Amino acid sequence: MAVTQNNVLLERGLLRVTARPCEELPYPEQLTYDVEIVGQEVLQSFPTFDEACQFVDMVAPADE
C-alpha cells in the first residue's frame, strides 16, 4: 500500500500514525488510523487512534 499525505498525529522514530477518511461504507465520514513507516509503507490500519497508539507502543516503546 502506498503512503499518501495524511494528517500526522504521532511520530516515534521511523513510525508515525496518520489519519485518513474511512473508505468503507456505511461510515465514509469516519477516520481510519494508519501506522506507517515514514516514506515507505502502511504496517497496519486501525479504527481508533488509541488502538494505533497501542500498536506503536508495542512495536517501538517510548524512551524513558
C-alpha atoms as a PDB file:
ATOM      1  CA  MET A   1       0.000   0.000   0.000  1.00  0.00           C
ATOM      2  CA  ALA A   2       1.446   3.365  -0.965  1.00  0.00           C
ATOM      3  CA  VAL A   3       1.906   6.118   1.576  1.00  0.00           C
ATOM      4  CA  THR A   4      -0.157   9.241   0.999  1.00  0.00           C
ATOM      5  CA  GLN A   5      -0.062  12.698   2.561  1.00  0.00           C
ATOM      6  CA  ASN A   6      -2.432  12.464   5.515  1.00  0.00           C
ATOM      7  CA  ASN A   7      -2.724  14.181   8.859  1.00  0.00           C
ATOM      8  CA  VAL A   8       0.230  13.061  11.002  1.00  0.00           C
ATOM      9  CA  LEU A   9      -0.929  12.636  14.598  1.00  0.00           C
ATOM     10  CA  LEU A  10       2.070  10.925  16.200  1.00  0.00           C
ATOM     11  CA  GLU A  11       5.675  10.258  15.223  1.00  0.00           C
ATOM     12  CA  ARG A  12       8.098   7.970  17.017  1.00  0.00           C
ATOM     13  CA  GLY A  13      11.376   7.151  15.327  1.00  0.00           C
ATOM     14  CA  LEU A  14      10.560   5.919  11.834  1.00  0.00           C
ATOM     15  CA  LEU A  15       6.935   5.159  12.722  1.00  0.00           C
ATOM     16  CA  ARG A  16       4.043   7.546  12.544  1.00  0.00           C
ATOM     17  CA  VAL A  17       0.277   7.458  12.943  1.00  0.00           C
ATOM     18  CA  THR A  18      -1.763   9.229  10.288  1.00  0.00           C
ATOM     19  CA  ALA A  19      -5.497   9.804   9.899  1.00  0.00           C
ATOM     20  CA  ARG A  20      -7.395   9.460   6.646  1.00  0.00           C
ATOM     21  CA  PRO A  21     -11.066   9.250   5.700  1.00  0.00           C
ATOM     22  CA  CYS A  22     -12.514   5.760   6.031  1.00  0.00           C
ATOM     23  CA  GLU A  23     -13.086   4.184   2.628  1.00  0.00           C
ATOM     24  CA  GLU A  24     -15.567   1.572   3.819  1.00  0.00           C
ATOM     25  CA  LEU A  25     -19.320   2.031   3.701  1.00  0.00           C
ATOM     26  CA  PRO A  26     -21.501   2.875   5.577  1.00  0.00           C
ATOM     27  CA  TYR A  27     -19.107   5.145   7.516  1.00  0.00           C
ATOM     28  CA  PRO A  28     -17.118   7.222   4.996  1.00  0.00           C
ATOM     29  CA  GLU A  29     -17.281  10.240   7.329  1.00  0.00           C
ATOM     30  CA  GLN A  30     -15.205   8.444   9.985  1.00  0.00           C
ATOM     31  CA  LEU A  31     -11.420   8.241  10.095  1.00  0.00           C
ATOM     32  CA  THR A  32      -9.029   5.329   9.757  1.00  0.00           C
ATOM     33  CA  TYR A  33      -5.689   5.490  11.566  1.00  0.00           C
ATOM     34  CA  ASP A  34      -2.669   4.049   9.776  1.00  0.00           C
ATOM     35  CA  VAL A  35       0.625   3.124  11.408  1.00  0.00           C
ATOM     36  CA  GLU A  36       3.264   3.545   8.746  1.00  0.00           C
ATOM     37  CA  ILE A  37       6.999   3.542   8.246  1.00  0.00           C
ATOM     38  CA  VAL A  38       7.894   7.085   7.224  1.00  0.00           C
ATOM     39  CA  GLY A  39       8.280   7.239   3.449  1.00  0.00           C
ATOM     40  CA  GLN A  40       7.666   3.535   2.950  1.00  0.00           C
ATOM     41  CA  GLU A  41       4.530   1.554   3.717  1.00  0.00           C
ATOM     42  CA  VAL A  42       1.494   1.219   5.959  1.00  0.00           C
ATOM     43  CA  LEU A  43       2.049  -1.543   8.517  1.00  0.00           C
ATOM     44  CA  GLN A  44      -1.453  -1.704   9.982  1.00  0.00           C
ATOM     45  CA  SER A  45      -4.722   0.252   9.962  1.00  0.00           C
ATOM     46  CA  PHE A  46      -6.967   0.763  12.996  1.00  0.00           C
ATOM     47  CA  PRO A  47     -10.486   2.108  13.581  1.00  0.00           C
ATOM     48  CA  THR A  48      -9.372   4.242  16.565  1.00  0.00           C
ATOM     49  CA  PHE A  49      -6.400   6.461  17.364  1.00  0.00           C
ATOM     50  CA  ASP A  50      -5.984   4.712  20.730  1.00  0.00           C
ATOM     51  CA  GLU A  51      -5.539   1.304  19.086  1.00  0.00           C
ATOM     52  CA  ALA A  52      -2.986   2.758  16.660  1.00  0.00           C
ATOM     53  CA  CYS A  53      -1.026   4.284  19.571  1.00  0.00           C
ATOM     54  CA  GLN A  54      -1.075   0.963  21.447  1.00  0.00           C
ATOM     55  CA  PHE A  55       0.395  -0.748  18.375  1.00  0.00           C
ATOM     56  CA  VAL A  56       3.155   1.879  18.131  1.00  0.00           C
ATOM     57  CA  ASP A  57       3.880   1.456  21.865  1.00  0.00           C
ATOM     58  CA  MET A  58       4.203  -2.297  21.363  1.00  0.00           C
ATOM     59  CA  VAL A  59       6.460  -2.067  18.304  1.00  0.00           C
ATOM     60  CA  ALA A  60       8.529   0.982  19.313  1.00  0.00           C
ATOM     61  CA  PRO A  61       8.316   1.706  23.060  1.00  0.00           C
ATOM     62  CA  ALA A  62       8.955   5.298  24.118  1.00  0.00           C
ATOM     63  CA  ASP A  63      12.333   6.027  25.685  1.00  0.00           C
ATOM     64  CA  GLU A  64      12.012   6.722  29.383  1.00  0.00           C
END
